[in-house]
């Protein structure tokens, strides 16, 4: 039995057809499915909590990184069920890192034909979990502009918000504690990645691997406006770690102490005032996935 938790708002107007295709594929494969559609914030986590607690079938998230984030956040019993994903969001960053096909039929086949594999995730304070990445800085400003936009949707919305945020950017000052060291930073963005990309393909953590028991922490320090276009090109090509203004550490635990209160984004969801303390959790979550994205 597969319990499909679906976010009807995920994606760019195609989600209903994608969901229909996924459900049809489950039926073709002779798999039983129960559908749970979320109608309000927190519903996906509540469904996941109840279903994992009862252990009556595995859980499949239908949606984007935000839906997967909420489902993982609700998990109570990791031994009782495994987690699958049918990508139906805008960016689908974690799906790319996890080798999960974007076509719903292929995603269903992956679940039906393979065994779930141990997959890492991030643990933050206040019960918050992350599957792909957590960050602060300009990515938070971009997400805020996306959330407040009334005219654009999807990737165009993100692109416009990115351009506006870069024009109005400022550096954020904080202290980083990682691998027994403490350092000061004035950064455009700081990100801890389990997956490699954020924002629908921006390769913020190009060496990250979703099953290596490590976090990749990247801070882009004190970039001048004139250098931003070149830095952005390096980001898109996965070469940001080559730049002298990039701070990079692989770790199991990292803490960011801001000079002023900051908002943290976790899998694209905004958390005001959440302490930025992240730990890797391994050997707990079983998830259907393909070959992880190469560095």
C-alpha atoms as a PDB file:
ATOM      1  CA  UNK A   1       0.000   0.000   0.000  1.00  0.00           C
ATOM      2  CA  UNK A   2       1.227   3.463  -0.941  1.00  0.00           C
ATOM      3  CA  UNK A   3      -0.143   6.525   0.835  1.00  0.00           C
ATOM      4  CA  UNK A   4       0.183   9.445  -1.580  1.00  0.00           C
ATOM      5  CA  UNK A   5       0.248  12.873   0.073  1.00  0.00           C
ATOM      6  CA  UNK A   6      -0.431  15.435  -2.640  1.00  0.00           C
ATOM      7  CA  UNK A   7      -0.128  19.202  -2.628  1.00  0.00           C
ATOM      8  CA  UNK A   8      -2.668  20.515  -5.170  1.00  0.00           C
ATOM      9  CA  UNK A   9      -0.812  23.849  -5.282  1.00  0.00           C
ATOM     10  CA  UNK A  10       2.570  22.388  -6.301  1.00  0.00           C
ATOM     11  CA  UNK A  11       3.981  23.184  -9.725  1.00  0.00           C
ATOM     12  CA  UNK A  12       2.821  25.576 -12.419  1.00  0.00           C
ATOM     13  CA  UNK A  13      -0.756  24.567 -13.245  1.00  0.00           C
ATOM     14  CA  UNK A  14       0.150  21.058 -14.404  1.00  0.00           C
ATOM     15  CA  UNK A  15      -0.193  19.295 -11.078  1.00  0.00           C
ATOM     16  CA  UNK A  16      -3.680  17.875 -11.626  1.00  0.00           C
ATOM     17  CA  UNK A  17      -2.678  16.116 -14.842  1.00  0.00           C
ATOM     18  CA  UNK A  18       0.607  14.945 -13.335  1.00  0.00           C
ATOM     19  CA  UNK A  19      -1.243  13.496 -10.353  1.00  0.00           C
ATOM     20  CA  UNK A  20      -3.726  11.745 -12.621  1.00  0.00           C
ATOM     21  CA  UNK A  21      -0.840  10.245 -14.607  1.00  0.00           C
ATOM     22  CA  UNK A  22       0.894   9.066 -11.444  1.00  0.00           C
ATOM     23  CA  UNK A  23      -2.245   7.456 -10.046  1.00  0.00           C
ATOM     24  CA  UNK A  24      -2.946   5.796 -13.391  1.00  0.00           C
ATOM     25  CA  UNK A  25       0.571   4.369 -13.422  1.00  0.00           C
ATOM     26  CA  UNK A  26       0.177   2.943  -9.928  1.00  0.00           C
ATOM     27  CA  UNK A  27      -3.040   1.270 -11.136  1.00  0.00           C
ATOM     28  CA  UNK A  28      -1.282  -0.105 -14.237  1.00  0.00           C
ATOM     29  CA  UNK A  29       1.370  -1.599 -11.997  1.00  0.00           C
ATOM     30  CA  UNK A  30      -1.282  -3.202  -9.804  1.00  0.00           C
ATOM     31  CA  UNK A  31      -0.361  -1.121  -6.760  1.00  0.00           C
ATOM     32  CA  UNK A  32      -2.885  -0.028  -4.151  1.00  0.00           C
ATOM     33  CA  UNK A  33      -2.962   3.679  -3.368  1.00  0.00           C
ATOM     34  CA  UNK A  34      -4.689   5.909  -0.851  1.00  0.00           C
ATOM     35  CA  UNK A  35      -4.712   9.615  -1.725  1.00  0.00           C
ATOM     36  CA  UNK A  36      -4.434  12.372   0.879  1.00  0.00           C
ATOM     37  CA  UNK A  37      -4.734  15.907  -0.507  1.00  0.00           C
ATOM     38  CA  UNK A  38      -3.483  18.780   1.610  1.00  0.00           C
ATOM     39  CA  UNK A  39      -5.838  21.715   2.022  1.00  0.00           C
ATOM     40  CA  UNK A  40      -3.941  23.909   4.471  1.00  0.00           C
ATOM     41  CA  UNK A  41      -0.399  24.495   5.759  1.00  0.00           C
ATOM     42  CA  UNK A  42       0.738  21.716   8.056  1.00  0.00           C
ATOM     43  CA  UNK A  43      -1.637  19.139   6.605  1.00  0.00           C
ATOM     44  CA  UNK A  44       1.108  17.151   4.873  1.00  0.00           C
ATOM     45  CA  UNK A  45       3.080  16.884   8.120  1.00  0.00           C
ATOM     46  CA  UNK A  46      -0.045  15.803   9.995  1.00  0.00           C
ATOM     47  CA  UNK A  47      -0.806  13.116   7.412  1.00  0.00           C
ATOM     48  CA  UNK A  48       2.801  11.886   7.510  1.00  0.00           C
ATOM     49  CA  UNK A  49       2.812  11.759  11.303  1.00  0.00           C
ATOM     50  CA  UNK A  50      -0.373   9.703  11.442  1.00  0.00           C
ATOM     51  CA  UNK A  51       0.582   7.368   8.604  1.00  0.00           C
ATOM     52  CA  UNK A  52       4.127   6.717   9.825  1.00  0.00           C
ATOM     53  CA  UNK A  53       2.847   6.156  13.339  1.00  0.00           C
ATOM     54  CA  UNK A  54       0.274   3.619  12.154  1.00  0.00           C
ATOM     55  CA  UNK A  55       2.684   1.984   9.703  1.00  0.00           C
ATOM     56  CA  UNK A  56       0.012   0.936   7.230  1.00  0.00           C
ATOM     57  CA  UNK A  57       1.907   1.323   3.984  1.00  0.00           C
ATOM     58  CA  UNK A  58       4.704   3.502   2.688  1.00  0.00           C
ATOM     59  CA  UNK A  59       4.412   7.236   2.069  1.00  0.00           C
ATOM     60  CA  UNK A  60       4.810   8.983  -1.281  1.00  0.00           C
ATOM     61  CA  UNK A  61       5.005  12.781  -1.480  1.00  0.00           C
ATOM     62  CA  UNK A  62       3.555  14.323  -4.642  1.00  0.00           C
ATOM     63  CA  UNK A  63       4.801  17.873  -5.063  1.00  0.00           C
ATOM     64  CA  UNK A  64       7.961  19.922  -4.880  1.00  0.00           C
ATOM     65  CA  UNK A  65      10.720  20.351  -2.331  1.00  0.00           C
ATOM     66  CA  UNK A  66       8.328  22.176  -0.008  1.00  0.00           C
ATOM     67  CA  UNK A  67       5.868  19.283   0.078  1.00  0.00           C
ATOM     68  CA  UNK A  68       8.670  16.772   0.621  1.00  0.00           C
ATOM     69  CA  UNK A  69      10.034  19.012   3.382  1.00  0.00           C
ATOM     70  CA  UNK A  70       6.705  19.066   5.197  1.00  0.00           C
ATOM     71  CA  UNK A  71       6.158  15.319   4.834  1.00  0.00           C
ATOM     72  CA  UNK A  72       9.625  14.584   6.246  1.00  0.00           C
ATOM     73  CA  UNK A  73       9.004  17.031   9.066  1.00  0.00           C
ATOM     74  CA  UNK A  74       5.958  14.999  10.102  1.00  0.00           C
ATOM     75  CA  UNK A  75       7.601  11.558  10.129  1.00  0.00           C
ATOM     76  CA  UNK A  76       7.378   9.903  13.542  1.00  0.00           C
ATOM     77  CA  UNK A  77       8.349   6.290  12.858  1.00  0.00           C
ATOM     78  CA  UNK A  78      11.123   5.888  10.305  1.00  0.00           C
ATOM     79  CA  UNK A  79      11.183   2.115  10.732  1.00  0.00           C
ATOM     80  CA  UNK A  80       7.519   1.672   9.856  1.00  0.00           C
ATOM     81  CA  UNK A  81       7.601   3.058   6.333  1.00  0.00           C
ATOM     82  CA  UNK A  82       9.773   4.323   3.509  1.00  0.00           C
ATOM     83  CA  UNK A  83       9.406   7.603   1.625  1.00  0.00           C
ATOM     84  CA  UNK A  84       8.955   8.166  -2.093  1.00  0.00           C
ATOM     85  CA  UNK A  85       8.705  11.307  -4.209  1.00  0.00           C
ATOM     86  CA  UNK A  86       6.819  12.105  -7.386  1.00  0.00           C
ATOM     87  CA  UNK A  87       8.240  15.514  -8.388  1.00  0.00           C
ATOM     88  CA  UNK A  88       5.598  18.116  -9.205  1.00  0.00           C
ATOM     89  CA  UNK A  89       7.056  21.394  -8.003  1.00  0.00           C
ATOM     90  CA  UNK A  90       8.702  24.334  -9.710  1.00  0.00           C
ATOM     91  CA  UNK A  91      12.376  23.702  -8.998  1.00  0.00           C
ATOM     92  CA  UNK A  92      12.459  20.023  -7.975  1.00  0.00           C
ATOM     93  CA  UNK A  93      16.005  20.455  -6.699  1.00  0.00           C
ATOM     94  CA  UNK A  94      16.102  17.412  -4.462  1.00  0.00           C
ATOM     95  CA  UNK A  95      14.746  15.184  -7.221  1.00  0.00           C
ATOM     96  CA  UNK A  96      17.714  16.209  -9.385  1.00  0.00           C
ATOM     97  CA  UNK A  97      20.231  15.369  -6.669  1.00  0.00           C
ATOM     98  CA  UNK A  98      18.483  12.078  -5.884  1.00  0.00           C
ATOM     99  CA  UNK A  99      18.128  10.859  -9.461  1.00  0.00           C
ATOM    100  CA  UNK A 100      14.330  10.830  -9.272  1.00  0.00           C
ATOM    101  CA  UNK A 101      12.710  11.165 -12.729  1.00  0.00           C
ATOM    102  CA  UNK A 102      10.473  14.165 -13.403  1.00  0.00           C
ATOM    103  CA  UNK A 103       8.044  12.123 -15.498  1.00  0.00           C
ATOM    104  CA  UNK A 104       5.404  10.766 -13.094  1.00  0.00           C
ATOM    105  CA  UNK A 105       5.271   7.350 -14.756  1.00  0.00           C
ATOM    106  CA  UNK A 106       9.026   6.914 -14.407  1.00  0.00           C
ATOM    107  CA  UNK A 107       8.922   8.113 -10.791  1.00  0.00           C
ATOM    108  CA  UNK A 108       6.215   5.544 -10.010  1.00  0.00           C
ATOM    109  CA  UNK A 109       8.242   2.828 -11.755  1.00  0.00           C
ATOM    110  CA  UNK A 110      11.257   3.717  -9.621  1.00  0.00           C
ATOM    111  CA  UNK A 111       9.144   3.156  -6.508  1.00  0.00           C
ATOM    112  CA  UNK A 112       7.575  -0.036  -7.828  1.00  0.00           C
ATOM    113  CA  UNK A 113      10.766  -1.631  -9.163  1.00  0.00           C
ATOM    114  CA  UNK A 114      13.482  -0.746  -6.654  1.00  0.00           C
ATOM    115  CA  UNK A 115      14.189  -0.962  -2.941  1.00  0.00           C
ATOM    116  CA  UNK A 116      14.348   2.194  -0.809  1.00  0.00           C
ATOM    117  CA  UNK A 117      17.857   3.308   0.122  1.00  0.00           C
ATOM    118  CA  UNK A 118      19.189   5.024   3.207  1.00  0.00           C
ATOM    119  CA  UNK A 119      19.222   8.769   2.568  1.00  0.00           C
ATOM    120  CA  UNK A 120      20.584  11.585   4.728  1.00  0.00           C
ATOM    121  CA  UNK A 121      18.647  14.600   5.926  1.00  0.00           C
ATOM    122  CA  UNK A 122      19.242  17.753   7.970  1.00  0.00           C
ATOM    123  CA  UNK A 123      18.048  18.226  11.540  1.00  0.00           C
ATOM    124  CA  UNK A 124      17.534  21.781  12.771  1.00  0.00           C
ATOM    125  CA  UNK A 125      16.095  23.131  16.046  1.00  0.00           C
ATOM    126  CA  UNK A 126      12.402  23.136  16.943  1.00  0.00           C
ATOM    127  CA  UNK A 127      11.767  19.848  15.153  1.00  0.00           C
ATOM    128  CA  UNK A 128      12.547  21.271  11.718  1.00  0.00           C
ATOM    129  CA  UNK A 129      14.036  18.846   9.194  1.00  0.00           C
ATOM    130  CA  UNK A 130      15.436  19.519   5.752  1.00  0.00           C
ATOM    131  CA  UNK A 131      15.946  17.129   2.877  1.00  0.00           C
ATOM    132  CA  UNK A 132      17.713  19.364   0.344  1.00  0.00           C
ATOM    133  CA  UNK A 133      19.286  22.513   1.801  1.00  0.00           C
ATOM    134  CA  UNK A 134      19.035  25.274   4.373  1.00  0.00           C
ATOM    135  CA  UNK A 135      20.342  28.773   3.931  1.00  0.00           C
ATOM    136  CA  UNK A 136      20.205  32.433   4.766  1.00  0.00           C
ATOM    137  CA  UNK A 137      21.043  35.642   2.969  1.00  0.00           C
ATOM    138  CA  UNK A 138      19.989  36.592  -0.529  1.00  0.00           C
ATOM    139  CA  UNK A 139      18.138  33.304  -1.064  1.00  0.00           C
ATOM    140  CA  UNK A 140      15.726  34.327   1.690  1.00  0.00           C
ATOM    141  CA  UNK A 141      15.157  37.692   0.008  1.00  0.00           C
ATOM    142  CA  UNK A 142      14.469  35.944  -3.303  1.00  0.00           C
ATOM    143  CA  UNK A 143      11.933  33.616  -1.690  1.00  0.00           C
ATOM    144  CA  UNK A 144      10.222  36.538   0.051  1.00  0.00           C
ATOM    145  CA  UNK A 145       9.829  38.352  -3.256  1.00  0.00           C
ATOM    146  CA  UNK A 146       8.482  35.181  -4.858  1.00  0.00           C
ATOM    147  CA  UNK A 147       5.971  34.787  -2.058  1.00  0.00           C
ATOM    148  CA  UNK A 148       4.812  38.399  -2.346  1.00  0.00           C
ATOM    149  CA  UNK A 149       4.598  38.427  -6.158  1.00  0.00           C
ATOM    150  CA  UNK A 150       1.031  38.590  -7.481  1.00  0.00           C
ATOM    151  CA  UNK A 151       1.733  38.554 -11.207  1.00  0.00           C
ATOM    152  CA  UNK A 152       4.392  35.942 -11.962  1.00  0.00           C
ATOM    153  CA  UNK A 153       4.563  32.242 -11.219  1.00  0.00           C
ATOM    154  CA  UNK A 154       7.053  29.422 -11.549  1.00  0.00           C
ATOM    155  CA  UNK A 155      10.614  29.831 -12.768  1.00  0.00           C
ATOM    156  CA  UNK A 156       9.995  33.266 -14.290  1.00  0.00           C
ATOM    157  CA  UNK A 157       8.893  34.466 -10.868  1.00  0.00           C
ATOM    158  CA  UNK A 158      12.109  33.151  -9.335  1.00  0.00           C
ATOM    159  CA  UNK A 159      14.284  34.674 -12.071  1.00  0.00           C
ATOM    160  CA  UNK A 160      12.739  38.144 -11.712  1.00  0.00           C
ATOM    161  CA  UNK A 161      12.998  37.941  -7.913  1.00  0.00           C
ATOM    162  CA  UNK A 162      16.642  36.903  -8.261  1.00  0.00           C
ATOM    163  CA  UNK A 163      17.495  39.879 -10.488  1.00  0.00           C
ATOM    164  CA  UNK A 164      15.744  42.372  -8.191  1.00  0.00           C
ATOM    165  CA  UNK A 165      17.414  40.866  -5.122  1.00  0.00           C
ATOM    166  CA  UNK A 166      20.859  41.077  -6.729  1.00  0.00           C
ATOM    167  CA  UNK A 167      20.318  44.742  -7.578  1.00  0.00           C
ATOM    168  CA  UNK A 168      19.286  45.520  -3.997  1.00  0.00           C
ATOM    169  CA  UNK A 169      21.617  43.058  -2.305  1.00  0.00           C
ATOM    170  CA  UNK A 170      23.504  43.548   0.896  1.00  0.00           C
ATOM    171  CA  UNK A 171      25.949  41.338   2.759  1.00  0.00           C
ATOM    172  CA  UNK A 172      24.947  39.622   5.990  1.00  0.00           C
ATOM    173  CA  UNK A 173      27.360  39.399   8.917  1.00  0.00           C
ATOM    174  CA  UNK A 174      27.609  36.331  11.129  1.00  0.00           C
ATOM    175  CA  UNK A 175      29.938  33.944  12.913  1.00  0.00           C
ATOM    176  CA  UNK A 176      30.320  30.363  11.688  1.00  0.00           C
ATOM    177  CA  UNK A 177      31.216  27.498  14.016  1.00  0.00           C
ATOM    178  CA  UNK A 178      32.199  24.391  12.097  1.00  0.00           C
ATOM    179  CA  UNK A 179      34.714  21.556  12.523  1.00  0.00           C
ATOM    180  CA  UNK A 180      36.024  23.011  15.775  1.00  0.00           C
ATOM    181  CA  UNK A 181      36.793  26.387  14.196  1.00  0.00           C
ATOM    182  CA  UNK A 182      35.109  29.780  14.455  1.00  0.00           C
ATOM    183  CA  UNK A 183      35.219  32.393  11.680  1.00  0.00           C
ATOM    184  CA  UNK A 184      33.639  35.734  10.857  1.00  0.00           C
ATOM    185  CA  UNK A 185      31.826  36.353   7.577  1.00  0.00           C
ATOM    186  CA  UNK A 186      30.168  39.144   5.640  1.00  0.00           C
ATOM    187  CA  UNK A 187      28.383  37.086   3.028  1.00  0.00           C
ATOM    188  CA  UNK A 188      25.914  37.333   0.194  1.00  0.00           C
ATOM    189  CA  UNK A 189      24.592  33.862   1.006  1.00  0.00           C
ATOM    190  CA  UNK A 190      25.321  30.965   3.344  1.00  0.00           C
ATOM    191  CA  UNK A 191      23.996  27.503   2.604  1.00  0.00           C
ATOM    192  CA  UNK A 192      24.271  24.026   4.049  1.00  0.00           C
ATOM    193  CA  UNK A 193      23.468  21.370   1.491  1.00  0.00           C
ATOM    194  CA  UNK A 194      22.464  17.746   1.461  1.00  0.00           C
ATOM    195  CA  UNK A 195      21.464  18.135  -2.181  1.00  0.00           C
ATOM    196  CA  UNK A 196      23.528  20.045  -4.720  1.00  0.00           C
ATOM    197  CA  UNK A 197      21.180  22.734  -6.026  1.00  0.00           C
ATOM    198  CA  UNK A 198      18.739  25.387  -4.861  1.00  0.00           C
ATOM    199  CA  UNK A 199      16.386  27.672  -6.780  1.00  0.00           C
ATOM    200  CA  UNK A 200      15.686  25.219  -9.575  1.00  0.00           C
ATOM    201  CA  UNK A 201      19.248  24.414 -10.589  1.00  0.00           C
ATOM    202  CA  UNK A 202      21.658  26.863  -8.925  1.00  0.00           C
ATOM    203  CA  UNK A 203      24.574  24.609  -7.933  1.00  0.00           C
ATOM    204  CA  UNK A 204      25.273  26.066  -4.532  1.00  0.00           C
ATOM    205  CA  UNK A 205      26.780  22.865  -3.108  1.00  0.00           C
ATOM    206  CA  UNK A 206      28.184  21.098  -6.183  1.00  0.00           C
ATOM    207  CA  UNK A 207      30.039  18.401  -4.234  1.00  0.00           C
ATOM    208  CA  UNK A 208      27.147  17.428  -1.965  1.00  0.00           C
ATOM    209  CA  UNK A 209      25.937  13.831  -1.869  1.00  0.00           C
ATOM    210  CA  UNK A 210      22.656  12.751  -0.300  1.00  0.00           C
ATOM    211  CA  UNK A 211      24.044   9.581   1.269  1.00  0.00           C
ATOM    212  CA  UNK A 212      27.600  10.328   2.396  1.00  0.00           C
ATOM    213  CA  UNK A 213      26.858  11.245   6.000  1.00  0.00           C
ATOM    214  CA  UNK A 214      28.151  14.788   5.510  1.00  0.00           C
ATOM    215  CA  UNK A 215      26.841  18.316   5.084  1.00  0.00           C
ATOM    216  CA  UNK A 216      28.385  20.749   2.607  1.00  0.00           C
ATOM    217  CA  UNK A 217      28.575  24.274   4.011  1.00  0.00           C
ATOM    218  CA  UNK A 218      29.185  27.112   1.548  1.00  0.00           C
ATOM    219  CA  UNK A 219      29.331  30.859   2.198  1.00  0.00           C
ATOM    220  CA  UNK A 220      29.869  33.351  -0.631  1.00  0.00           C
ATOM    221  CA  UNK A 221      31.768  36.128   1.119  1.00  0.00           C
ATOM    222  CA  UNK A 222      31.754  39.864   0.452  1.00  0.00           C
ATOM    223  CA  UNK A 223      31.106  39.805  -3.284  1.00  0.00           C
ATOM    224  CA  UNK A 224      31.305  43.218  -4.940  1.00  0.00           C
ATOM    225  CA  UNK A 225      28.470  44.222  -7.266  1.00  0.00           C
ATOM    226  CA  UNK A 226      30.763  44.194 -10.274  1.00  0.00           C
ATOM    227  CA  UNK A 227      31.680  40.568  -9.541  1.00  0.00           C
ATOM    228  CA  UNK A 228      28.128  39.265  -9.104  1.00  0.00           C
ATOM    229  CA  UNK A 229      27.453  38.328 -12.778  1.00  0.00           C
ATOM    230  CA  UNK A 230      30.655  36.278 -12.972  1.00  0.00           C
ATOM    231  CA  UNK A 231      29.915  34.673  -9.614  1.00  0.00           C
ATOM    232  CA  UNK A 232      26.415  33.754 -10.759  1.00  0.00           C
ATOM    233  CA  UNK A 233      27.809  32.083 -13.898  1.00  0.00           C
ATOM    234  CA  UNK A 234      30.176  30.078 -11.693  1.00  0.00           C
ATOM    235  CA  UNK A 235      27.216  29.091  -9.513  1.00  0.00           C
ATOM    236  CA  UNK A 236      25.205  27.822 -12.466  1.00  0.00           C
ATOM    237  CA  UNK A 237      28.187  25.807 -13.726  1.00  0.00           C
ATOM    238  CA  UNK A 238      28.904  24.300 -10.308  1.00  0.00           C
ATOM    239  CA  UNK A 239      32.263  26.069 -10.030  1.00  0.00           C
ATOM    240  CA  UNK A 240      31.594  28.475  -7.163  1.00  0.00           C
ATOM    241  CA  UNK A 241      34.014  26.575  -4.897  1.00  0.00           C
ATOM    242  CA  UNK A 242      36.883  27.736  -7.139  1.00  0.00           C
ATOM    243  CA  UNK A 243      36.406  31.390  -6.175  1.00  0.00           C
ATOM    244  CA  UNK A 244      38.621  32.987  -3.502  1.00  0.00           C
ATOM    245  CA  UNK A 245      35.575  34.605  -1.904  1.00  0.00           C
ATOM    246  CA  UNK A 246      33.939  31.206  -1.251  1.00  0.00           C
ATOM    247  CA  UNK A 247      34.199  29.558   2.166  1.00  0.00           C
ATOM    248  CA  UNK A 248      33.639  25.787   2.038  1.00  0.00           C
ATOM    249  CA  UNK A 249      33.608  23.082   4.703  1.00  0.00           C
ATOM    250  CA  UNK A 250      32.318  19.520   4.769  1.00  0.00           C
ATOM    251  CA  UNK A 251      30.945  18.698   8.195  1.00  0.00           C
ATOM    252  CA  UNK A 252      28.416  16.860  10.313  1.00  0.00           C
ATOM    253  CA  UNK A 253      27.407  19.917  12.341  1.00  0.00           C
ATOM    254  CA  UNK A 254      27.431  23.643  11.633  1.00  0.00           C
ATOM    255  CA  UNK A 255      26.168  26.675  13.505  1.00  0.00           C
ATOM    256  CA  UNK A 256      25.653  30.220  12.219  1.00  0.00           C
ATOM    257  CA  UNK A 257      25.387  32.989  14.803  1.00  0.00           C
ATOM    258  CA  UNK A 258      24.058  36.168  13.127  1.00  0.00           C
ATOM    259  CA  UNK A 259      24.851  39.698  14.243  1.00  0.00           C
ATOM    260  CA  UNK A 260      21.181  40.561  13.746  1.00  0.00           C
ATOM    261  CA  UNK A 261      18.089  38.318  13.644  1.00  0.00           C
ATOM    262  CA  UNK A 262      17.862  36.461  10.343  1.00  0.00           C
ATOM    263  CA  UNK A 263      15.336  34.305   8.553  1.00  0.00           C
ATOM    264  CA  UNK A 264      16.388  30.799   7.555  1.00  0.00           C
ATOM    265  CA  UNK A 265      15.038  28.979   4.527  1.00  0.00           C
ATOM    266  CA  UNK A 266      14.789  25.204   4.676  1.00  0.00           C
ATOM    267  CA  UNK A 267      13.868  23.515   1.392  1.00  0.00           C
ATOM    268  CA  UNK A 268      12.397  26.837   0.272  1.00  0.00           C
ATOM    269  CA  UNK A 269      10.234  27.274   3.381  1.00  0.00           C
ATOM    270  CA  UNK A 270      10.899  30.386   5.489  1.00  0.00           C
ATOM    271  CA  UNK A 271      11.467  30.248   9.257  1.00  0.00           C
ATOM    272  CA  UNK A 272      11.759  33.586  11.046  1.00  0.00           C
ATOM    273  CA  UNK A 273      14.060  33.483  14.060  1.00  0.00           C
ATOM    274  CA  UNK A 274      14.972  29.804  13.722  1.00  0.00           C
ATOM    275  CA  UNK A 275      18.480  29.215  15.117  1.00  0.00           C
ATOM    276  CA  UNK A 276      20.704  28.150  12.230  1.00  0.00           C
ATOM    277  CA  UNK A 277      22.119  24.986  13.753  1.00  0.00           C
ATOM    278  CA  UNK A 278      22.226  22.015  11.388  1.00  0.00           C
ATOM    279  CA  UNK A 279      23.194  18.390  11.944  1.00  0.00           C
ATOM    280  CA  UNK A 280      23.325  15.539   9.470  1.00  0.00           C
ATOM    281  CA  UNK A 281      21.094  12.541  10.212  1.00  0.00           C
ATOM    282  CA  UNK A 282      22.117   9.304   8.544  1.00  0.00           C
ATOM    283  CA  UNK A 283      20.999   5.660   8.578  1.00  0.00           C
ATOM    284  CA  UNK A 284      17.430   6.582   9.445  1.00  0.00           C
ATOM    285  CA  UNK A 285      15.387   7.636   6.415  1.00  0.00           C
ATOM    286  CA  UNK A 286      14.709   5.017   3.740  1.00  0.00           C
ATOM    287  CA  UNK A 287      13.840   6.587   0.419  1.00  0.00           C
ATOM    288  CA  UNK A 288      13.315   5.523  -3.177  1.00  0.00           C
ATOM    289  CA  UNK A 289      15.854   7.245  -5.372  1.00  0.00           C
ATOM    290  CA  UNK A 290      18.072   6.733  -8.365  1.00  0.00           C
ATOM    291  CA  UNK A 291      21.748   7.454  -8.786  1.00  0.00           C
ATOM    292  CA  UNK A 292      22.692  10.682  -6.949  1.00  0.00           C
ATOM    293  CA  UNK A 293      23.763  13.624  -9.105  1.00  0.00           C
ATOM    294  CA  UNK A 294      27.499  13.678  -9.795  1.00  0.00           C
ATOM    295  CA  UNK A 295      29.687  16.578  -8.692  1.00  0.00           C
END
